[in-house]
C-alpha atoms as a PDB file:
ATOM      1  CA  UNK A   1     119.263   5.511 111.014  1.00  0.00           C
ATOM      2  CA  UNK A   2     119.656   3.388 114.164  1.00  0.00           C
ATOM      3  CA  UNK A   3     116.242   4.544 115.415  1.00  0.00           C
ATOM      4  CA  UNK A   4     114.641   3.363 112.168  1.00  0.00           C
ATOM      5  CA  UNK A   5     116.447   0.040 112.368  1.00  0.00           C
ATOM      6  CA  UNK A   6     115.273  -0.602 115.937  1.00  0.00           C
ATOM      7  CA  UNK A   7     111.698   0.149 114.925  1.00  0.00           C
ATOM      8  CA  UNK A   8     112.085  -2.102 111.896  1.00  0.00           C
ATOM      9  CA  UNK A   9     113.390  -4.880 114.156  1.00  0.00           C
ATOM     10  CA  UNK A  10     110.388  -4.431 116.471  1.00  0.00           C
ATOM     11  CA  UNK A  11     107.993  -4.809 113.551  1.00  0.00           C
ATOM     12  CA  UNK A  12     110.099  -7.733 112.317  1.00  0.00           C
ATOM     13  CA  UNK A  13     109.741  -9.598 115.603  1.00  0.00           C
ATOM     14  CA  UNK A  14     105.950  -9.308 115.441  1.00  0.00           C
ATOM     15  CA  UNK A  15     106.023 -10.118 111.718  1.00  0.00           C
ATOM     16  CA  UNK A  16     108.056 -13.269 112.361  1.00  0.00           C
ATOM     17  CA  UNK A  17     105.687 -14.360 115.129  1.00  0.00           C
ATOM     18  CA  UNK A  18     102.710 -13.852 112.805  1.00  0.00           C
ATOM     19  CA  UNK A  19     104.430 -15.814 110.033  1.00  0.00           C
ATOM     20  CA  UNK A  20     105.324 -18.749 112.259  1.00  0.00           C
ATOM     21  CA  UNK A  21     101.862 -18.767 113.916  1.00  0.00           C
ATOM     22  CA  UNK A  22      99.942 -18.728 110.620  1.00  0.00           C
ATOM     23  CA  UNK A  23     102.295 -21.372 109.198  1.00  0.00           C
ATOM     24  CA  UNK A  24     101.780 -23.624 112.216  1.00  0.00           C
ATOM     25  CA  UNK A  25      98.008 -23.225 112.292  1.00  0.00           C
ATOM     26  CA  UNK A  26      97.688 -23.822 108.563  1.00  0.00           C
ATOM     27  CA  UNK A  27      99.985 -26.852 108.651  1.00  0.00           C
ATOM     28  CA  UNK A  28      98.162 -28.339 111.648  1.00  0.00           C
ATOM     29  CA  UNK A  29      94.895 -27.797 109.757  1.00  0.00           C
ATOM     30  CA  UNK A  30      96.176 -30.169 107.087  1.00  0.00           C
ATOM     31  CA  UNK A  31      97.747 -27.868 104.503  1.00  0.00           C
ATOM     32  CA  UNK A  32     101.108 -28.659 102.899  1.00  0.00           C
ATOM     33  CA  UNK A  33     104.269 -26.796 103.923  1.00  0.00           C
ATOM     34  CA  UNK A  34     104.275 -24.840 100.656  1.00  0.00           C
ATOM     35  CA  UNK A  35     100.654 -23.685 101.017  1.00  0.00           C
ATOM     36  CA  UNK A  36     101.148 -22.972 104.724  1.00  0.00           C
ATOM     37  CA  UNK A  37     104.289 -20.942 104.053  1.00  0.00           C
ATOM     38  CA  UNK A  38     102.712 -18.990 101.196  1.00  0.00           C
ATOM     39  CA  UNK A  39      99.669 -18.136 103.326  1.00  0.00           C
ATOM     40  CA  UNK A  40     101.857 -17.200 106.297  1.00  0.00           C
ATOM     41  CA  UNK A  41     104.056 -15.031 104.082  1.00  0.00           C
ATOM     42  CA  UNK A  42     101.071 -13.183 102.602  1.00  0.00           C
ATOM     43  CA  UNK A  43      99.592 -12.402 106.014  1.00  0.00           C
ATOM     44  CA  UNK A  44     102.911 -11.442 107.629  1.00  0.00           C
ATOM     45  CA  UNK A  45     104.237  -9.318 104.738  1.00  0.00           C
ATOM     46  CA  UNK A  46     100.965  -7.384 104.589  1.00  0.00           C
ATOM     47  CA  UNK A  47     101.180  -6.645 108.309  1.00  0.00           C
ATOM     48  CA  UNK A  48     104.833  -5.681 107.912  1.00  0.00           C
ATOM     49  CA  UNK A  49     104.128  -3.288 105.037  1.00  0.00           C
ATOM     50  CA  UNK A  50     101.471  -1.319 106.893  1.00  0.00           C
ATOM     51  CA  UNK A  51     103.303  -1.348 110.244  1.00  0.00           C
ATOM     52  CA  UNK A  52     106.591  -0.218 108.705  1.00  0.00           C
ATOM     53  CA  UNK A  53     104.937   2.466 106.601  1.00  0.00           C
ATOM     54  CA  UNK A  54     103.283   4.025 109.621  1.00  0.00           C
ATOM     55  CA  UNK A  55     105.396   3.126 112.671  1.00  0.00           C
ATOM     56  CA  UNK A  56     108.911   2.846 111.282  1.00  0.00           C
ATOM     57  CA  UNK A  57     109.135   5.268 108.360  1.00  0.00           C
ATOM     58  CA  UNK A  58     106.115   7.584 108.781  1.00  0.00           C
ATOM     59  CA  UNK A  59     105.278   7.206 105.121  1.00  0.00           C
ATOM     60  CA  UNK A  60     102.046   6.936 103.159  1.00  0.00           C
ATOM     61  CA  UNK A  61     100.849   3.628 101.792  1.00  0.00           C
ATOM     62  CA  UNK A  62      99.895   3.116  98.161  1.00  0.00           C
ATOM     63  CA  UNK A  63      99.195   0.146  95.902  1.00  0.00           C
ATOM     64  CA  UNK A  64     102.470   0.779  94.057  1.00  0.00           C
ATOM     65  CA  UNK A  65     104.516   0.744  97.240  1.00  0.00           C
ATOM     66  CA  UNK A  66     102.734  -2.391  98.401  1.00  0.00           C
ATOM     67  CA  UNK A  67     103.606  -4.147  95.139  1.00  0.00           C
ATOM     68  CA  UNK A  68     107.244  -2.996  95.377  1.00  0.00           C
ATOM     69  CA  UNK A  69     107.466  -4.249  98.946  1.00  0.00           C
ATOM     70  CA  UNK A  70     105.810  -7.631  98.552  1.00  0.00           C
ATOM     71  CA  UNK A  71     107.515  -8.207  95.200  1.00  0.00           C
ATOM     72  CA  UNK A  72     110.975  -7.754  96.685  1.00  0.00           C
ATOM     73  CA  UNK A  73     110.257  -9.663  99.875  1.00  0.00           C
ATOM     74  CA  UNK A  74     108.534 -12.447  97.920  1.00  0.00           C
ATOM     75  CA  UNK A  75     111.452 -12.755  95.509  1.00  0.00           C
ATOM     76  CA  UNK A  76     113.833 -12.941  98.442  1.00  0.00           C
ATOM     77  CA  UNK A  77     111.697 -15.612 100.130  1.00  0.00           C
ATOM     78  CA  UNK A  78     111.483 -17.649  96.928  1.00  0.00           C
ATOM     79  CA  UNK A  79     115.239 -17.366  96.360  1.00  0.00           C
ATOM     80  CA  UNK A  80     116.096 -18.525  99.869  1.00  0.00           C
ATOM     81  CA  UNK A  81     113.547 -21.331  99.558  1.00  0.00           C
ATOM     82  CA  UNK A  82     114.939 -22.470  96.202  1.00  0.00           C
ATOM     83  CA  UNK A  83     118.497 -22.420  97.544  1.00  0.00           C
ATOM     84  CA  UNK A  84     117.395 -24.382 100.607  1.00  0.00           C
ATOM     85  CA  UNK A  85     115.597 -26.961  98.474  1.00  0.00           C
ATOM     86  CA  UNK A  86     118.640 -27.369  96.233  1.00  0.00           C
ATOM     87  CA  UNK A  87     120.929 -27.794  99.244  1.00  0.00           C
ATOM     88  CA  UNK A  88     118.389 -29.928 101.195  1.00  0.00           C
ATOM     89  CA  UNK A  89     118.460 -27.580 104.193  1.00  0.00           C
ATOM     90  CA  UNK A  90     116.136 -28.319 107.127  1.00  0.00           C
ATOM     91  CA  UNK A  91     112.957 -26.134 106.928  1.00  0.00           C
ATOM     92  CA  UNK A  92     113.567 -24.619 110.380  1.00  0.00           C
ATOM     93  CA  UNK A  93     117.057 -23.547 109.287  1.00  0.00           C
ATOM     94  CA  UNK A  94     115.507 -22.063 106.140  1.00  0.00           C
ATOM     95  CA  UNK A  95     113.112 -19.987 108.267  1.00  0.00           C
ATOM     96  CA  UNK A  96     115.994 -18.755 110.408  1.00  0.00           C
ATOM     97  CA  UNK A  97     118.175 -17.927 107.387  1.00  0.00           C
ATOM     98  CA  UNK A  98     115.332 -16.086 105.684  1.00  0.00           C
ATOM     99  CA  UNK A  99     114.488 -14.183 108.867  1.00  0.00           C
ATOM    100  CA  UNK A 100     118.073 -12.913 109.164  1.00  0.00           C
ATOM    101  CA  UNK A 101     118.498 -12.047 105.479  1.00  0.00           C
ATOM    102  CA  UNK A 102     115.114 -10.342 105.242  1.00  0.00           C
ATOM    103  CA  UNK A 103     115.810  -8.287 108.355  1.00  0.00           C
ATOM    104  CA  UNK A 104     118.789  -6.517 106.823  1.00  0.00           C
ATOM    105  CA  UNK A 105     117.911  -6.567 103.126  1.00  0.00           C
ATOM    106  CA  UNK A 106     114.295  -5.623 103.837  1.00  0.00           C
ATOM    107  CA  UNK A 107     115.348  -2.706 106.015  1.00  0.00           C
ATOM    108  CA  UNK A 108     117.630  -1.132 103.429  1.00  0.00           C
ATOM    109  CA  UNK A 109     115.171  -1.754 100.593  1.00  0.00           C
ATOM    110  CA  UNK A 110     112.341  -0.227 102.642  1.00  0.00           C
ATOM    111  CA  UNK A 111     114.368   2.762 103.819  1.00  0.00           C
ATOM    112  CA  UNK A 112     115.931   3.704 100.490  1.00  0.00           C
ATOM    113  CA  UNK A 113     113.372   2.499  97.924  1.00  0.00           C
ATOM    114  CA  UNK A 114     109.825   1.891  99.181  1.00  0.00           C
ATOM    115  CA  UNK A 115     109.525   4.488 101.960  1.00  0.00           C
ATOM    116  CA  UNK A 116     112.311   6.889 100.948  1.00  0.00           C
ATOM    117  CA  UNK A 117     110.096   9.965 101.404  1.00  0.00           C
ATOM    118  CA  UNK A 118     109.283   9.103 105.046  1.00  0.00           C
ATOM    119  CA  UNK A 119     110.873  10.442 108.214  1.00  0.00           C
END
């Protein structure tokens, strides 16, 4: 289980870098924070799905698994965002909070639901 978690963390580091990079580029190009974050999330979560399927869990990809994965991660992102908006939390803190929550929740959801037939 630890081996899977370390691999998941490795993918997560790259995923986070992709998310922050796409967000920054989109925002600097004149998009709003919400559009920039949605675009960054879509790009990063797609990378994460394919990388975790192959590298972390050795599992096959399918449209159903992709929908399960992005649905859960998207709901988590929206929930953290809504909570942050309600509590007026700084956007950088929101990104950090979401990164930590999604690391652990995403790992267990991926391991035991989405890619349960993998390694």
